[in-house]
PDB file of all heavy atoms in Angstrom:
ATOM      1  N   THR A   1      16.953 -18.960 -18.711  1.00  0.00           N
ATOM      2  CA  THR A   1      18.005 -19.960 -18.874  1.00  0.00           C
ATOM      3  C   THR A   1      19.315 -19.306 -19.303  1.00  0.00           C
ATOM      4  O   THR A   1      19.370 -18.599 -20.302  1.00  0.00           O
ATOM      5  CB  THR A   1      17.596 -21.000 -19.941  1.00  0.00           C
ATOM      6  OG1 THR A   1      16.355 -21.594 -19.560  1.00  0.00           O
ATOM      7  CG2 THR A   1      18.660 -22.072 -20.073  1.00  0.00           C
ATOM      8  N   GLY A   2      20.349 -19.510 -18.507  1.00  0.00           N
ATOM      9  CA  GLY A   2      21.681 -19.030 -18.853  1.00  0.00           C
ATOM     10  C   GLY A   2      21.887 -17.537 -18.765  1.00  0.00           C
ATOM     11  O   GLY A   2      22.914 -17.028 -19.207  1.00  0.00           O
ATOM     12  N   ASN A   3      20.926 -16.810 -18.167  1.00  0.00           N
ATOM     13  CA  ASN A   3      21.043 -15.353 -18.089  1.00  0.00           C
ATOM     14  C   ASN A   3      20.862 -14.853 -16.665  1.00  0.00           C
ATOM     15  O   ASN A   3      20.257 -15.526 -15.820  1.00  0.00           O
ATOM     16  CB  ASN A   3      19.981 -14.673 -18.963  1.00  0.00           C
ATOM     17  CG  ASN A   3      20.234 -14.857 -20.438  1.00  0.00           C
ATOM     18  OD1 ASN A   3      21.376 -14.848 -20.892  1.00  0.00           O
ATOM     19  ND2 ASN A   3      19.166 -15.048 -21.191  1.00  0.00           N
ATOM     20  N   ASN A   4      21.386 -13.647 -16.421  1.00  0.00           N
ATOM     21  CA  ASN A   4      21.092 -12.931 -15.188  1.00  0.00           C
ATOM     22  C   ASN A   4      19.808 -12.142 -15.426  1.00  0.00           C
ATOM     23  O   ASN A   4      19.802 -11.163 -16.177  1.00  0.00           O
ATOM     24  CB  ASN A   4      22.250 -11.988 -14.841  1.00  0.00           C
ATOM     25  CG  ASN A   4      23.532 -12.753 -14.574  1.00  0.00           C
ATOM     26  OD1 ASN A   4      23.657 -13.463 -13.586  1.00  0.00           O
ATOM     27  ND2 ASN A   4      24.497 -12.622 -15.474  1.00  0.00           N
ATOM     28  N   ALA A   5      18.728 -12.581 -14.801  1.00  0.00           N
ATOM     29  CA  ALA A   5      17.394 -12.088 -15.164  1.00  0.00           C
ATOM     30  C   ALA A   5      16.962 -10.855 -14.387  1.00  0.00           C
ATOM     31  O   ALA A   5      15.768 -10.581 -14.257  1.00  0.00           O
ATOM     32  CB  ALA A   5      16.374 -13.215 -14.985  1.00  0.00           C
ATOM     33  N   TYR A   6      17.934 -10.071 -13.888  1.00  0.00           N
ATOM     34  CA  TYR A   6      17.576  -8.881 -13.114  1.00  0.00           C
ATOM     35  C   TYR A   6      16.810  -7.869 -13.968  1.00  0.00           C
ATOM     36  O   TYR A   6      15.913  -7.170 -13.463  1.00  0.00           O
ATOM     37  CB  TYR A   6      18.823  -8.228 -12.519  1.00  0.00           C
ATOM     38  CG  TYR A   6      19.842  -7.771 -13.520  1.00  0.00           C
ATOM     39  CD1 TYR A   6      19.742  -6.520 -14.138  1.00  0.00           C
ATOM     40  CD2 TYR A   6      20.917  -8.581 -13.865  1.00  0.00           C
ATOM     41  CE1 TYR A   6      20.668  -6.117 -15.077  1.00  0.00           C
ATOM     42  CE2 TYR A   6      21.849  -8.180 -14.799  1.00  0.00           C
ATOM     43  CZ  TYR A   6      21.730  -6.943 -15.402  1.00  0.00           C
ATOM     44  OH  TYR A   6      22.650  -6.532 -16.332  1.00  0.00           O
ATOM     45  N   GLY A   7      17.154  -7.774 -15.263  1.00  0.00           N
ATOM     46  CA  GLY A   7      16.465  -6.825 -16.133  1.00  0.00           C
ATOM     47  C   GLY A   7      14.981  -7.116 -16.231  1.00  0.00           C
ATOM     48  O   GLY A   7      14.146  -6.208 -16.157  1.00  0.00           O
ATOM     49  N   SER A   8      14.642  -8.400 -16.363  1.00  0.00           N
ATOM     50  CA  SER A   8      13.228  -8.795 -16.444  1.00  0.00           C
ATOM     51  C   SER A   8      12.505  -8.522 -15.137  1.00  0.00           C
ATOM     52  O   SER A   8      11.360  -8.055 -15.124  1.00  0.00           O
ATOM     53  CB  SER A   8      13.123 -10.277 -16.805  1.00  0.00           C
ATOM     54  OG  SER A   8      13.640 -10.529 -18.087  1.00  0.00           O
ATOM     55  N   ALA A   9      13.171  -8.819 -14.005  1.00  0.00           N
ATOM     56  CA  ALA A   9      12.542  -8.603 -12.696  1.00  0.00           C
ATOM     57  C   ALA A   9      12.310  -7.118 -12.447  1.00  0.00           C
ATOM     58  O   ALA A   9      11.226  -6.710 -12.002  1.00  0.00           O
ATOM     59  CB  ALA A   9      13.407  -9.204 -11.590  1.00  0.00           C
ATOM     60  N   LEU A  10      13.300  -6.294 -12.738  1.00  0.00           N
ATOM     61  CA  LEU A  10      13.160  -4.851 -12.504  1.00  0.00           C
ATOM     62  C   LEU A  10      12.133  -4.228 -13.441  1.00  0.00           C
ATOM     63  O   LEU A  10      11.329  -3.379 -13.022  1.00  0.00           O
ATOM     64  CB  LEU A  10      14.511  -4.165 -12.671  1.00  0.00           C
ATOM     65  CG  LEU A  10      15.540  -4.433 -11.567  1.00  0.00           C
ATOM     66  CD1 LEU A  10      16.915  -3.907 -11.975  1.00  0.00           C
ATOM     67  CD2 LEU A  10      15.103  -3.802 -10.242  1.00  0.00           C
ATOM     68  N   SER A  11      12.118  -4.642 -14.698  1.00  0.00           N
ATOM     69  CA  SER A  11      11.147  -4.064 -15.633  1.00  0.00           C
ATOM     70  C   SER A  11       9.721  -4.460 -15.268  1.00  0.00           C
ATOM     71  O   SER A  11       8.785  -3.661 -15.414  1.00  0.00           O
ATOM     72  CB  SER A  11      11.461  -4.479 -17.074  1.00  0.00           C
ATOM     73  OG  SER A  11      11.302  -5.873 -17.257  1.00  0.00           O
ATOM     74  N   GLN A  12       9.559  -5.686 -14.749  1.00  0.00           N
ATOM     75  CA  GLN A  12       8.222  -6.106 -14.320  1.00  0.00           C
ATOM     76  C   GLN A  12       7.770  -5.307 -13.105  1.00  0.00           C
ATOM     77  O   GLN A  12       6.604  -4.910 -13.007  1.00  0.00           O
ATOM     78  CB  GLN A  12       8.232  -7.599 -13.985  1.00  0.00           C
ATOM     79  CG  GLN A  12       6.866  -8.176 -13.674  1.00  0.00           C
ATOM     80  CD  GLN A  12       6.081  -8.521 -14.921  1.00  0.00           C
ATOM     81  OE1 GLN A  12       5.882  -7.681 -15.790  1.00  0.00           O
ATOM     82  NE2 GLN A  12       5.630  -9.749 -15.012  1.00  0.00           N
ATOM     83  N   ILE A  13       8.686  -5.047 -12.173  1.00  0.00           N
ATOM     84  CA  ILE A  13       8.347  -4.232 -11.003  1.00  0.00           C
ATOM     85  C   ILE A  13       7.881  -2.846 -11.451  1.00  0.00           C
ATOM     86  O   ILE A  13       6.849  -2.340 -10.993  1.00  0.00           O
ATOM     87  CB  ILE A  13       9.556  -4.127 -10.048  1.00  0.00           C
ATOM     88  CG1 ILE A  13       9.751  -5.448  -9.297  1.00  0.00           C
ATOM     89  CG2 ILE A  13       9.366  -2.974  -9.058  1.00  0.00           C
ATOM     90  CD1 ILE A  13      11.012  -5.503  -8.473  1.00  0.00           C
ATOM     91  N   VAL A  14       8.633  -2.234 -12.348  1.00  0.00           N
ATOM     92  CA  VAL A  14       8.288  -0.884 -12.812  1.00  0.00           C
ATOM     93  C   VAL A  14       6.943  -0.893 -13.544  1.00  0.00           C
ATOM     94  O   VAL A  14       6.114   0.018 -13.376  1.00  0.00           O
ATOM     95  CB  VAL A  14       9.408  -0.325 -13.705  1.00  0.00           C
ATOM     96  CG1 VAL A  14       8.971   0.959 -14.385  1.00  0.00           C
ATOM     97  CG2 VAL A  14      10.664  -0.087 -12.870  1.00  0.00           C
ATOM     98  N   ARG A  15       6.705  -1.925 -14.337  1.00  0.00           N
ATOM     99  CA  ARG A  15       5.419  -2.024 -15.041  1.00  0.00           C
ATOM    100  C   ARG A  15       4.269  -2.182 -14.060  1.00  0.00           C
ATOM    101  O   ARG A  15       3.224  -1.532 -14.196  1.00  0.00           O
ATOM    102  CB  ARG A  15       5.437  -3.196 -16.023  1.00  0.00           C
ATOM    103  CG  ARG A  15       4.144  -3.314 -16.828  1.00  0.00           C
ATOM    104  CD  ARG A  15       4.294  -4.284 -17.985  1.00  0.00           C
ATOM    105  NE  ARG A  15       4.344  -5.658 -17.563  1.00  0.00           N
ATOM    106  CZ  ARG A  15       3.264  -6.419 -17.320  1.00  0.00           C
ATOM    107  NH1 ARG A  15       2.054  -5.898 -17.445  1.00  0.00           N
ATOM    108  NH2 ARG A  15       3.395  -7.678 -16.964  1.00  0.00           N
ATOM    109  N   PHE A  16       4.480  -3.037 -13.055  1.00  0.00           N
ATOM    110  CA  PHE A  16       3.419  -3.250 -12.066  1.00  0.00           C
ATOM    111  C   PHE A  16       3.164  -1.993 -11.234  1.00  0.00           C
ATOM    112  O   PHE A  16       2.025  -1.726 -10.833  1.00  0.00           O
ATOM    113  CB  PHE A  16       3.788  -4.416 -11.148  1.00  0.00           C
ATOM    114  CG  PHE A  16       3.505  -5.772 -11.755  1.00  0.00           C
ATOM    115  CD1 PHE A  16       4.014  -6.919 -11.155  1.00  0.00           C
ATOM    116  CD2 PHE A  16       2.740  -5.916 -12.893  1.00  0.00           C
ATOM    117  CE1 PHE A  16       3.754  -8.179 -11.693  1.00  0.00           C
ATOM    118  CE2 PHE A  16       2.482  -7.158 -13.443  1.00  0.00           C
ATOM    119  CZ  PHE A  16       2.982  -8.292 -12.832  1.00  0.00           C
ATOM    120  N   ILE A  17       4.210  -1.215 -10.966  1.00  0.00           N
ATOM    121  CA  ILE A  17       4.008   0.058 -10.264  1.00  0.00           C
ATOM    122  C   ILE A  17       3.124   0.967 -11.108  1.00  0.00           C
ATOM    123  O   ILE A  17       2.168   1.571 -10.605  1.00  0.00           O
ATOM    124  CB  ILE A  17       5.361   0.741  -9.975  1.00  0.00           C
ATOM    125  CG1 ILE A  17       6.161  -0.052  -8.935  1.00  0.00           C
ATOM    126  CG2 ILE A  17       5.143   2.171  -9.475  1.00  0.00           C
ATOM    127  CD1 ILE A  17       7.593   0.428  -8.759  1.00  0.00           C
ATOM    128  N   ALA A  18       3.443   1.061 -12.398  1.00  0.00           N
ATOM    129  CA  ALA A  18       2.667   1.922 -13.301  1.00  0.00           C
ATOM    130  C   ALA A  18       1.214   1.464 -13.392  1.00  0.00           C
ATOM    131  O   ALA A  18       0.294   2.288 -13.492  1.00  0.00           O
ATOM    132  CB  ALA A  18       3.314   1.928 -14.687  1.00  0.00           C
ATOM    133  N   GLU A  19       1.012   0.142 -13.350  1.00  0.00           N
ATOM    134  CA  GLU A  19      -0.340  -0.406 -13.448  1.00  0.00           C
ATOM    135  C   GLU A  19      -1.046  -0.465 -12.093  1.00  0.00           C
ATOM    136  O   GLU A  19      -2.191  -0.908 -11.999  1.00  0.00           O
ATOM    137  CB  GLU A  19      -0.277  -1.817 -14.052  1.00  0.00           C
ATOM    138  CG  GLU A  19       0.199  -1.817 -15.506  1.00  0.00           C
ATOM    139  CD  GLU A  19       0.389  -3.220 -16.052  1.00  0.00           C
ATOM    140  OE1 GLU A  19       0.269  -4.195 -15.274  1.00  0.00           O
ATOM    141  OE2 GLU A  19       0.663  -3.343 -17.265  1.00  0.00           O
ATOM    142  N   GLN A  20      -0.330  -0.076 -11.034  1.00  0.00           N
ATOM    143  CA  GLN A  20      -0.851  -0.063  -9.661  1.00  0.00           C
ATOM    144  C   GLN A  20      -1.266  -1.453  -9.187  1.00  0.00           C
ATOM    145  O   GLN A  20      -2.230  -1.604  -8.430  1.00  0.00           O
ATOM    146  CB  GLN A  20      -2.021   0.918  -9.536  1.00  0.00           C
ATOM    147  CG  GLN A  20      -1.618   2.374  -9.778  1.00  0.00           C
ATOM    148  CD  GLN A  20      -2.740   3.346  -9.485  1.00  0.00           C
ATOM    149  OE1 GLN A  20      -3.793   3.314 -10.136  1.00  0.00           O
ATOM    150  NE2 GLN A  20      -2.535   4.195  -8.499  1.00  0.00           N
ATOM    151  N   ASN A  21      -0.529  -2.462  -9.608  1.00  0.00           N
ATOM    152  CA  ASN A  21      -0.834  -3.823  -9.161  1.00  0.00           C
ATOM    153  C   ASN A  21      -0.624  -3.987  -7.658  1.00  0.00           C
ATOM    154  O   ASN A  21      -1.295  -4.806  -7.022  1.00  0.00           O
ATOM    155  CB  ASN A  21       0.025  -4.843  -9.916  1.00  0.00           C
ATOM    156  CG  ASN A  21      -0.453  -5.053 -11.330  1.00  0.00           C
ATOM    157  OD1 ASN A  21      -0.994  -4.138 -11.941  1.00  0.00           O
ATOM    158  ND2 ASN A  21      -0.263  -6.245 -11.864  1.00  0.00           N
ATOM    159  N   ASP A  22       0.319  -3.247  -7.095  1.00  0.00           N
ATOM    160  CA  ASP A  22       0.524  -3.318  -5.651  1.00  0.00           C
ATOM    161  C   ASP A  22      -0.718  -2.832  -4.907  1.00  0.00           C
ATOM    162  O   ASP A  22      -1.144  -3.449  -3.921  1.00  0.00           O
ATOM    163  CB  ASP A  22       1.759  -2.518  -5.230  1.00  0.00           C
ATOM    164  CG  ASP A  22       1.783  -1.106  -5.819  1.00  0.00           C
ATOM    165  OD1 ASP A  22       1.043  -0.836  -6.783  1.00  0.00           O
ATOM    166  OD2 ASP A  22       2.555  -0.274  -5.305  1.00  0.00           O
ATOM    167  N   ILE A  23      -1.320  -1.778  -5.391  1.00  0.00           N
ATOM    168  CA  ILE A  23      -2.543  -1.265  -4.760  1.00  0.00           C
ATOM    169  C   ILE A  23      -3.697  -2.245  -4.982  1.00  0.00           C
ATOM    170  O   ILE A  23      -4.503  -2.494  -4.077  1.00  0.00           O
ATOM    171  CB  ILE A  23      -2.906   0.120  -5.317  1.00  0.00           C
ATOM    172  CG1 ILE A  23      -1.734   1.092  -5.151  1.00  0.00           C
ATOM    173  CG2 ILE A  23      -4.147   0.663  -4.622  1.00  0.00           C
ATOM    174  CD1 ILE A  23      -1.256   1.264  -3.730  1.00  0.00           C
ATOM    175  N   ALA A  24      -3.777  -2.825  -6.168  1.00  0.00           N
ATOM    176  CA  ALA A  24      -4.843  -3.787  -6.449  1.00  0.00           C
ATOM    177  C   ALA A  24      -4.757  -4.995  -5.525  1.00  0.00           C
ATOM    178  O   ALA A  24      -5.785  -5.582  -5.151  1.00  0.00           O
ATOM    179  CB  ALA A  24      -4.772  -4.237  -7.904  1.00  0.00           C
ATOM    180  N   ASP A  25      -3.540  -5.387  -5.133  1.00  0.00           N
ATOM    181  CA  ASP A  25      -3.360  -6.554  -4.265  1.00  0.00           C
ATOM    182  C   ASP A  25      -3.809  -6.312  -2.831  1.00  0.00           C
ATOM    183  O   ASP A  25      -3.905  -7.257  -2.037  1.00  0.00           O
ATOM    184  CB  ASP A  25      -1.888  -6.975  -4.248  1.00  0.00           C
ATOM    185  CG  ASP A  25      -1.487  -7.744  -5.501  1.00  0.00           C
ATOM    186  OD1 ASP A  25      -2.388  -8.164  -6.242  1.00  0.00           O
ATOM    187  OD2 ASP A  25      -0.273  -7.925  -5.725  1.00  0.00           O
ATOM    188  N   LEU A  26      -4.085  -5.061  -2.466  1.00  0.00           N
ATOM    189  CA  LEU A  26      -4.378  -4.742  -1.068  1.00  0.00           C
ATOM    190  C   LEU A  26      -5.729  -5.285  -0.610  1.00  0.00           C
ATOM    191  O   LEU A  26      -5.955  -5.428   0.596  1.00  0.00           O
ATOM    192  CB  LEU A  26      -4.334  -3.222  -0.850  1.00  0.00           C
ATOM    193  CG  LEU A  26      -2.980  -2.554  -1.113  1.00  0.00           C
ATOM    194  CD1 LEU A  26      -3.043  -1.076  -0.735  1.00  0.00           C
ATOM    195  CD2 LEU A  26      -1.852  -3.235  -0.357  1.00  0.00           C
ATOM    196  N   VAL A  27      -6.620  -5.584  -1.544  1.00  0.00           N
ATOM    197  CA  VAL A  27      -7.956  -6.071  -1.170  1.00  0.00           C
ATOM    198  C   VAL A  27      -7.838  -7.307  -0.276  1.00  0.00           C
ATOM    199  O   VAL A  27      -8.404  -7.364   0.816  1.00  0.00           O
ATOM    200  CB  VAL A  27      -8.796  -6.386  -2.423  1.00  0.00           C
ATOM    201  CG1 VAL A  27     -10.124  -7.014  -2.021  1.00  0.00           C
ATOM    202  CG2 VAL A  27      -9.037  -5.125  -3.235  1.00  0.00           C
TER     203      VAL A  27
END
């Protein structure tokens, strides 16, 4: 609310990369 939420989106992407969520989704 009331913010430019790019920081949250980018940090979540980086976290998911580290956790390999993209690879986990391939099933």
